[in-house]
Amino acid sequence: MRRYIGFPRVEGTASRQAHADLPPGTFEREISKEGFFGPAAHLYHRHPPTGWVSFEGPLRPHAFDLTKIAAPVASPWDARQILGNAAVKIRWWNTAGAMPALARNADGDELLFVHRGRAALFCDYGHLDIEAGDYVLLPRGTLWRLACDEPVAALLIEATNGSYTLPDRGLLGPHALFDPAILDVPRIDAAFTAQQSDDTPWRVEVKRRGALSVIGFPFNPLDAVGWHGDLAPVRLNVRDIRPLLSHRYHLPPSAHSTFLGDRFVVCTFVPRPFETDPGAIKVPFFHNNDDYDEVIFYHAGQFFSRDNIHPGMVTLHPGGFTHGPHPKALRNMTEQSKPGTDEVAVMIDTRDPLDIAPVASDVEWAGYVDSWKSP
């Protein structure tokens, strides 16, 4: 269906370009549909839209410190669920050494984001070394295990009863953000062949509908000698993501989409230069993302729009919660003291509300909502 040129209405004192040339003394807030993809309006306020002095009720934002969940567990099925709904499960996994059993997820594709550590991944398709900053996408049904060279901390993002795809890059072409040729796949190499010599009995733990079945084998099931096809695990490191840049306009988070689930999207924020146009805002704009819950996992660097957030923390902004930069970041709305950002973070926007698991509540920073208050 064609999209003909439209002419949005303008009322009162307003900018003619979103996220730039704000009327003096105003703060912009975006109200949009479909997570920045649908129709939107931009309002210009005399005060920051997050300038509250009190906040009560279930719309309160949350921040969780996952570094306080430190106990290692051998199996990914023992990883603690943090957040979830019918379409996505988000778990936190600390592990070390070698997994004593093989894992297979029959509930959906599994996306691992390695926050810390190094390991060898062995799976149906071969061997792949993984390290901090890696995404590892395991298609549903893949048999796998890790042998850690260093203790691993990882965020596990399950596309429950669904699959991951790559976003449509539209006019940018298929090679923007990252060329699919950069995706690494497991190899049938010497390390994979060597592990096949382990002919001791192996257990396979299969998760289906949240319950485990355990299957015993008198041999190592990772005994493939080859494969072909266009379905396999893939690895993508954050250093290989080349972010979209606009020196005159602050791009919305959706411009940084990395993987798509059926009812959620995974985006990656990586270091980039700040906008250089004098009138362009240089911090995330205030917005009501009413159709999505927003989760951000902070991996590395300095998070320029947030106070008191360190690597290993997760924030949850429920749909309908107006949010944007904290007061200290707001002072640098149109002028930054350094040339660019150095943060690396994973954002998960979910179309359906997320439930908070008890273990997340145990490591919550209750004062997060107050961090928007002016000092």
Protein backbone atom coordinates (compact mmCIF):
# COMPACT_ATOMS: atom_id res chain seq x y z
CA MET A 1 0.00 0.00 0.00
CA ARG A 2 1.40 3.39 -0.97
CA ARG A 3 2.19 5.92 1.69
CA TYR A 4 1.30 9.32 0.32
CA ILE A 5 2.88 12.50 1.66
CA GLY A 6 1.08 13.71 4.76
CA PHE A 7 1.13 17.04 6.50
CA PRO A 8 1.12 16.83 10.32
CA ARG A 9 -0.68 19.55 12.23
CA VAL A 10 1.32 22.12 14.18
CA GLU A 11 -0.18 23.96 17.15
CA GLY A 12 1.33 26.71 19.25
CA THR A 13 5.08 27.03 19.72
CA ALA A 14 6.75 23.93 18.36
CA SER A 15 9.78 22.75 16.44
CA ARG A 16 9.29 21.85 12.78
CA GLN A 17 11.83 19.01 13.09
CA ALA A 18 11.60 16.33 15.77
CA HIS A 19 14.56 16.13 18.16
CA ALA A 20 16.13 19.36 16.90
CA ASP A 21 15.79 23.12 17.20
CA LEU A 22 13.57 22.98 20.28
CA PRO A 23 11.86 26.26 21.21
CA PRO A 24 14.04 27.99 23.85
CA GLY A 25 13.37 26.81 27.38
CA THR A 26 11.33 23.77 26.35
CA PHE A 27 11.64 20.00 26.73
CA GLU A 28 10.42 17.70 23.97
CA ARG A 29 8.32 14.60 24.66
CA GLU A 30 7.33 12.06 22.01
CA ILE A 31 4.07 10.12 22.13
CA SER A 32 4.14 7.36 19.52
CA LYS A 33 2.56 4.14 18.38
CA GLU A 34 4.22 0.80 17.66
CA GLY A 35 7.54 1.54 19.33
CA PHE A 36 8.71 4.47 17.18
CA PHE A 37 7.44 2.87 13.95
CA GLY A 38 3.91 4.33 13.95
CA PRO A 39 2.34 7.77 14.07
CA ALA A 40 3.79 10.17 16.62
CA ALA A 41 3.32 13.59 18.16
CA HIS A 42 5.96 15.81 19.76
CA LEU A 43 4.97 18.05 22.63
CA TYR A 44 7.07 20.91 23.98
CA HIS A 45 6.90 21.41 27.74
CA ARG A 46 8.10 24.16 30.05
CA HIS A 47 9.42 21.57 32.55
CA PRO A 48 11.10 18.15 32.17
CA PRO A 49 8.32 15.53 31.85
CA THR A 50 10.05 13.45 34.53
CA GLY A 51 10.17 16.27 37.10
CA TRP A 52 7.99 14.47 39.63
CA VAL A 53 8.32 14.76 43.39
CA SER A 54 6.44 11.52 44.17
CA PHE A 55 5.52 8.34 42.29
CA GLU A 56 3.22 5.55 43.49
CA GLY A 57 1.67 2.54 41.79
CA PRO A 58 2.53 -0.33 39.42
CA LEU A 59 3.88 1.94 36.67
CA ARG A 60 6.96 2.61 38.79
CA PRO A 61 10.20 1.85 36.86
CA HIS A 62 12.62 -0.79 38.09
CA ALA A 63 16.38 -1.35 38.20
CA PHE A 64 17.92 -4.71 39.08
CA ASP A 65 21.56 -5.40 39.94
CA LEU A 66 22.30 -8.80 38.42
CA THR A 67 25.87 -8.73 39.76
CA LYS A 68 24.32 -9.64 43.11
CA ILE A 69 23.17 -12.96 41.63
CA ALA A 70 26.62 -14.49 41.70
CA ALA A 71 26.23 -18.20 42.49
CA PRO A 72 27.39 -20.30 39.52
CA VAL A 73 25.17 -23.08 38.19
CA ALA A 74 26.23 -25.70 35.68
CA SER A 75 23.06 -25.92 33.61
CA PRO A 76 21.35 -23.10 31.69
CA TRP A 77 18.08 -24.56 32.93
CA ASP A 78 19.14 -23.57 36.45
CA ALA A 79 19.73 -19.97 35.37
CA ARG A 80 17.46 -17.61 37.27
CA GLN A 81 14.57 -16.07 35.33
CA ILE A 82 14.49 -12.30 35.76
CA LEU A 83 11.62 -11.18 33.54
CA GLY A 84 9.21 -12.88 31.17
CA ASN A 85 5.90 -13.17 29.38
CA ALA A 86 4.37 -15.64 26.92
CA ALA A 87 6.69 -14.56 24.08
CA VAL A 88 10.05 -14.05 25.81
CA LYS A 89 11.92 -15.32 28.87
CA ILE A 90 14.95 -13.41 30.18
CA ARG A 91 17.32 -15.35 32.45
CA TRP A 92 20.69 -14.62 34.10
CA TRP A 93 23.34 -17.34 34.05
CA ASN A 94 26.63 -17.57 35.91
CA THR A 95 28.62 -20.70 35.10
CA ALA A 96 32.15 -22.06 35.22
CA GLY A 97 33.98 -25.18 34.15
CA ALA A 98 32.35 -27.62 31.75
CA MET A 99 28.64 -28.39 31.60
CA PRO A 100 28.12 -31.99 32.82
CA ALA A 101 25.13 -32.51 30.52
CA LEU A 102 24.01 -31.36 27.08
CA ALA A 103 21.14 -28.87 26.76
CA ARG A 104 18.38 -28.62 24.16
CA ASN A 105 15.65 -25.97 24.18
CA ALA A 106 12.46 -27.25 22.58
CA ASP A 107 10.50 -24.15 23.67
CA GLY A 108 12.07 -21.66 21.25
CA ASP A 109 15.24 -20.09 19.88
CA GLU A 110 17.78 -19.12 22.55
CA LEU A 111 19.87 -15.95 22.32
CA LEU A 112 22.90 -15.77 24.62
CA PHE A 113 24.58 -12.44 25.27
CA VAL A 114 27.96 -13.03 26.91
CA HIS A 115 28.55 -10.32 29.50
CA ARG A 116 31.76 -11.74 30.89
CA GLY A 117 34.12 -14.67 30.32
CA ARG A 118 35.30 -17.01 27.59
CA ALA A 119 34.19 -20.51 26.61
CA ALA A 120 34.16 -23.13 23.91
CA LEU A 121 30.69 -23.94 22.64
CA PHE A 122 30.14 -27.43 21.26
CA CYS A 123 26.85 -28.16 19.50
CA ASP A 124 25.25 -30.30 16.79
CA TYR A 125 26.99 -28.18 14.16
CA GLY A 126 30.53 -28.14 15.54
CA HIS A 127 32.72 -25.92 17.70
CA LEU A 128 32.66 -22.13 18.26
CA ASP A 129 34.72 -20.05 20.69
CA ILE A 130 32.72 -17.32 22.45
CA GLU A 131 33.73 -14.33 24.57
CA ALA A 132 32.41 -11.18 26.23
CA GLY A 133 30.33 -9.08 23.85
CA ASP A 134 29.17 -12.04 21.78
CA TYR A 135 25.59 -12.75 20.82
CA VAL A 136 25.14 -16.47 20.19
CA LEU A 137 21.87 -17.46 18.53
CA LEU A 138 20.93 -21.12 19.05
CA PRO A 139 17.98 -22.26 16.90
CA ARG A 140 15.30 -24.22 18.68
CA GLY A 141 16.29 -27.86 19.10
CA THR A 142 20.05 -27.30 18.95
CA LEU A 143 22.00 -29.66 21.21
CA TRP A 144 24.86 -27.80 22.94
CA ARG A 145 27.19 -27.39 25.89
CA LEU A 146 29.84 -24.95 27.13
CA ALA A 147 33.36 -25.63 28.36
CA CYS A 148 34.47 -22.41 30.07
CA ASP A 149 38.03 -21.10 29.83
CA GLU A 150 36.97 -18.31 32.20
CA PRO A 151 33.80 -18.05 34.31
CA VAL A 152 30.91 -16.89 32.15
CA ALA A 153 28.07 -14.51 32.97
CA ALA A 154 25.42 -14.36 30.28
CA LEU A 155 21.97 -12.97 29.60
CA LEU A 156 19.71 -15.65 28.07
CA ILE A 157 16.83 -14.36 25.94
CA GLU A 158 14.42 -17.09 24.85
CA ALA A 159 12.03 -16.49 21.96
CA THR A 160 9.35 -18.67 23.53
CA ASN A 161 7.47 -20.70 20.92
CA GLY A 162 9.07 -18.50 18.27
CA SER A 163 12.12 -17.74 16.18
CA TYR A 164 14.63 -14.93 15.70
CA THR A 165 15.01 -13.10 12.41
CA LEU A 166 17.07 -10.14 11.22
CA PRO A 167 15.32 -6.76 10.90
CA ASP A 168 14.37 -5.35 7.51
CA ARG A 169 16.85 -2.57 6.87
CA GLY A 170 14.73 -0.97 4.14
CA LEU A 171 16.42 1.82 2.23
CA LEU A 172 19.69 1.17 4.07
CA GLY A 173 20.15 -2.15 2.29
CA PRO A 174 20.93 -5.60 3.73
CA HIS A 175 24.52 -4.77 4.72
CA ALA A 176 23.78 -1.90 7.14
CA LEU A 177 24.46 -2.29 10.88
CA PHE A 178 26.32 -5.50 10.11
CA ASP A 179 26.89 -7.50 6.97
CA PRO A 180 25.38 -10.99 7.39
CA ALA A 181 28.74 -12.28 6.13
CA ILE A 182 30.18 -11.26 9.53
CA LEU A 183 28.07 -13.93 11.27
CA ASP A 184 30.24 -16.86 12.36
CA VAL A 185 28.94 -20.42 12.44
CA PRO A 186 30.30 -23.49 14.26
CA ARG A 187 33.01 -25.48 12.50
CA ILE A 188 33.69 -29.19 12.27
CA ASP A 189 37.29 -28.59 13.36
CA ALA A 190 39.98 -30.40 15.33
CA ALA A 191 38.54 -29.32 18.69
CA PHE A 192 35.11 -30.68 17.74
CA THR A 193 36.55 -33.95 16.47
CA ALA A 194 38.68 -34.34 19.60
CA GLN A 195 35.69 -34.05 21.93
CA GLN A 196 33.98 -36.89 20.06
CA SER A 197 36.53 -39.28 21.50
CA ASP A 198 34.74 -38.98 24.85
CA ASP A 199 32.69 -42.17 24.65
CA THR A 200 31.47 -42.02 28.25
CA PRO A 201 27.67 -41.91 28.80
CA TRP A 202 26.07 -38.48 28.28
CA ARG A 203 22.85 -36.94 29.55
CA VAL A 204 20.72 -34.60 27.45
CA GLU A 205 18.40 -32.19 29.28
CA VAL A 206 15.55 -31.07 27.01
CA LYS A 207 13.29 -28.21 28.06
CA ARG A 208 9.74 -28.25 26.69
CA ARG A 209 6.86 -26.19 28.11
CA GLY A 210 9.16 -25.23 30.95
CA ALA A 211 9.67 -28.84 32.11
CA LEU A 212 12.82 -30.94 31.73
CA SER A 213 13.13 -34.38 30.20
CA VAL A 214 16.44 -36.19 30.64
CA ILE A 215 17.66 -38.59 27.95
CA GLY A 216 20.65 -40.88 28.50
CA PHE A 217 23.06 -41.95 25.75
CA PRO A 218 25.91 -44.48 25.96
CA PHE A 219 27.95 -42.22 23.63
CA ASN A 220 28.56 -38.55 22.92
CA PRO A 221 25.62 -37.32 20.78
CA LEU A 222 27.76 -34.47 19.38
CA ASP A 223 29.20 -36.86 16.80
CA ALA A 224 28.38 -35.13 13.48
CA VAL A 225 31.01 -35.38 10.76
CA GLY A 226 29.48 -32.64 8.60
CA TRP A 227 26.38 -30.62 7.74
CA HIS A 228 24.92 -28.34 5.09
CA GLY A 229 21.96 -25.99 4.96
CA ASP A 230 20.90 -22.47 5.90
CA LEU A 231 19.93 -23.08 9.55
CA ALA A 232 22.68 -23.01 12.16
CA PRO A 233 23.81 -21.21 15.31
CA VAL A 234 25.46 -17.86 14.61
CA ARG A 235 27.80 -15.59 16.56
CA LEU A 236 27.89 -11.77 16.37
CA ASN A 237 30.14 -9.62 18.54
CA VAL A 238 29.13 -6.06 19.45
CA ARG A 239 32.42 -4.74 18.02
CA ASP A 240 31.23 -5.84 14.56
CA ILE A 241 28.05 -3.73 14.76
CA ARG A 242 28.40 -0.47 12.83
CA PRO A 243 25.71 1.83 14.25
CA LEU A 244 23.59 4.15 12.20
CA LEU A 245 24.74 7.73 12.55
CA SER A 246 23.07 11.08 12.00
CA HIS A 247 25.01 14.19 12.83
CA ARG A 248 21.88 16.38 12.63
CA TYR A 249 19.19 14.19 14.25
CA HIS A 250 19.05 11.91 17.30
CA LEU A 251 17.91 8.52 15.98
CA PRO A 252 15.28 6.52 17.90
CA PRO A 253 16.29 3.24 19.59
CA SER A 254 14.53 1.22 16.88
CA ALA A 255 17.28 2.30 14.45
CA HIS A 256 19.61 0.01 16.41
CA SER A 257 17.50 -3.18 16.07
CA THR A 258 19.67 -6.31 15.91
CA PHE A 259 17.28 -9.29 16.16
CA LEU A 260 13.50 -9.60 15.91
CA GLY A 261 11.38 -12.01 17.93
CA ASP A 262 7.70 -12.65 17.26
CA ARG A 263 6.47 -10.03 19.77
CA PHE A 264 9.68 -8.32 20.83
CA VAL A 265 12.83 -6.77 19.42
CA VAL A 266 16.46 -6.88 20.59
CA CYS A 267 18.49 -3.70 19.97
CA THR A 268 22.16 -3.00 20.62
CA PHE A 269 23.65 0.34 21.65
CA VAL A 270 27.37 0.57 20.82
CA PRO A 271 29.83 3.49 20.90
CA ARG A 272 29.09 6.23 18.37
CA PRO A 273 29.84 9.92 17.83
CA PHE A 274 27.44 12.46 19.30
CA GLU A 275 25.35 14.60 16.98
CA THR A 276 27.27 17.70 15.89
CA ASP A 277 24.45 19.93 14.62
CA PRO A 278 24.10 22.77 17.17
CA GLY A 279 20.31 22.42 17.31
CA ALA A 280 20.14 18.61 17.56
CA ILE A 281 19.52 17.08 20.97
CA LYS A 282 22.36 14.82 22.08
CA VAL A 283 20.64 12.69 24.70
CA PRO A 284 17.69 10.28 24.41
CA PHE A 285 14.48 12.24 24.07
CA PHE A 286 11.61 12.03 26.57
CA HIS A 287 8.98 9.63 25.32
CA ASN A 288 5.91 7.59 26.15
CA ASN A 289 6.54 4.16 24.66
CA ASP A 290 3.00 3.11 25.46
CA ASP A 291 2.85 -0.04 23.33
CA TYR A 292 5.99 -1.73 24.68
CA ASP A 293 7.79 -2.58 27.89
CA GLU A 294 11.44 -1.48 27.65
CA VAL A 295 14.30 -3.49 29.16
CA ILE A 296 17.94 -2.39 29.00
CA PHE A 297 20.89 -4.53 30.10
CA TYR A 298 24.01 -2.45 30.70
CA HIS A 299 27.11 -4.32 29.50
CA ALA A 300 30.02 -1.88 29.43
CA GLY A 301 31.07 1.78 29.40
CA GLN A 302 29.58 4.92 30.90
CA PHE A 303 25.81 5.23 30.49
CA PHE A 304 25.56 8.88 29.66
CA SER A 305 21.78 9.23 30.11
CA ARG A 306 21.60 7.40 33.47
CA ASP A 307 22.86 7.99 37.02
CA ASN A 308 24.06 5.26 39.40
CA ILE A 309 23.88 2.52 36.77
CA HIS A 310 26.84 0.16 36.38
CA PRO A 311 27.62 -2.82 34.12
CA GLY A 312 25.56 -5.87 34.99
CA MET A 313 22.39 -3.93 35.86
CA VAL A 314 19.01 -4.14 34.12
CA THR A 315 16.27 -1.52 33.98
CA LEU A 316 12.60 -2.06 33.21
CA HIS A 317 10.38 0.81 32.06
CA PRO A 318 6.78 -0.44 31.81
CA GLY A 319 4.67 0.61 28.85
CA GLY A 320 2.99 3.93 29.60
CA PHE A 321 5.86 5.24 31.73
CA THR A 322 7.20 8.59 30.53
CA HIS A 323 10.98 8.50 30.65
CA GLY A 324 14.12 10.06 29.27
CA PRO A 325 17.48 11.37 30.45
CA HIS A 326 18.27 11.87 34.11
CA PRO A 327 18.83 15.44 35.34
CA LYS A 328 22.63 15.35 35.05
CA ALA A 329 22.42 14.12 31.46
CA LEU A 330 19.76 16.72 30.68
CA ARG A 331 22.30 19.47 31.32
CA ASN A 332 24.13 18.21 28.22
CA MET A 333 21.02 18.08 26.06
CA THR A 334 22.52 20.17 23.24
CA GLU A 335 26.24 20.11 24.08
CA GLN A 336 28.46 17.23 25.17
CA SER A 337 31.94 17.43 26.69
CA LYS A 338 33.34 14.49 24.73
CA PRO A 339 33.06 13.44 21.08
CA GLY A 340 30.93 10.34 21.52
CA THR A 341 29.39 7.65 23.67
CA ASP A 342 31.30 4.64 24.97
CA GLU A 343 28.39 2.57 26.24
CA VAL A 344 27.40 -0.94 25.19
CA ALA A 345 23.90 -2.06 26.14
CA VAL A 346 21.24 -4.55 25.07
CA MET A 347 17.66 -3.33 24.82
CA ILE A 348 14.66 -5.66 24.69
CA ASP A 349 11.33 -4.06 23.79
CA THR A 350 8.36 -6.37 24.37
CA ARG A 351 4.90 -5.92 22.88
CA ASP A 352 3.31 -7.57 25.94
CA PRO A 353 3.85 -6.63 29.61
CA LEU A 354 6.64 -8.41 31.45
CA ASP A 355 6.30 -10.16 34.80
CA ILE A 356 9.05 -9.63 37.37
CA ALA A 357 10.44 -12.83 38.87
CA PRO A 358 11.07 -13.04 42.65
CA VAL A 359 14.85 -13.26 42.24
CA ALA A 360 14.82 -9.92 40.39
CA SER A 361 12.81 -8.30 43.18
CA ASP A 362 15.47 -9.51 45.63
CA VAL A 363 18.18 -7.49 43.83
CA GLU A 364 16.11 -4.40 42.97
CA TRP A 365 17.34 -0.87 43.59
CA ALA A 366 14.15 0.56 45.08
CA GLY A 367 15.32 4.15 44.72
CA TYR A 368 15.57 4.04 40.94
CA VAL A 369 12.33 6.00 40.45
CA ASP A 370 13.78 8.84 42.51
CA SER A 371 16.85 9.17 40.31
CA TRP A 372 14.89 11.47 37.98
CA LYS A 373 14.31 13.98 40.74
CA SER A 374 16.36 17.15 40.41
CA PRO A 375 19.27 17.28 42.88
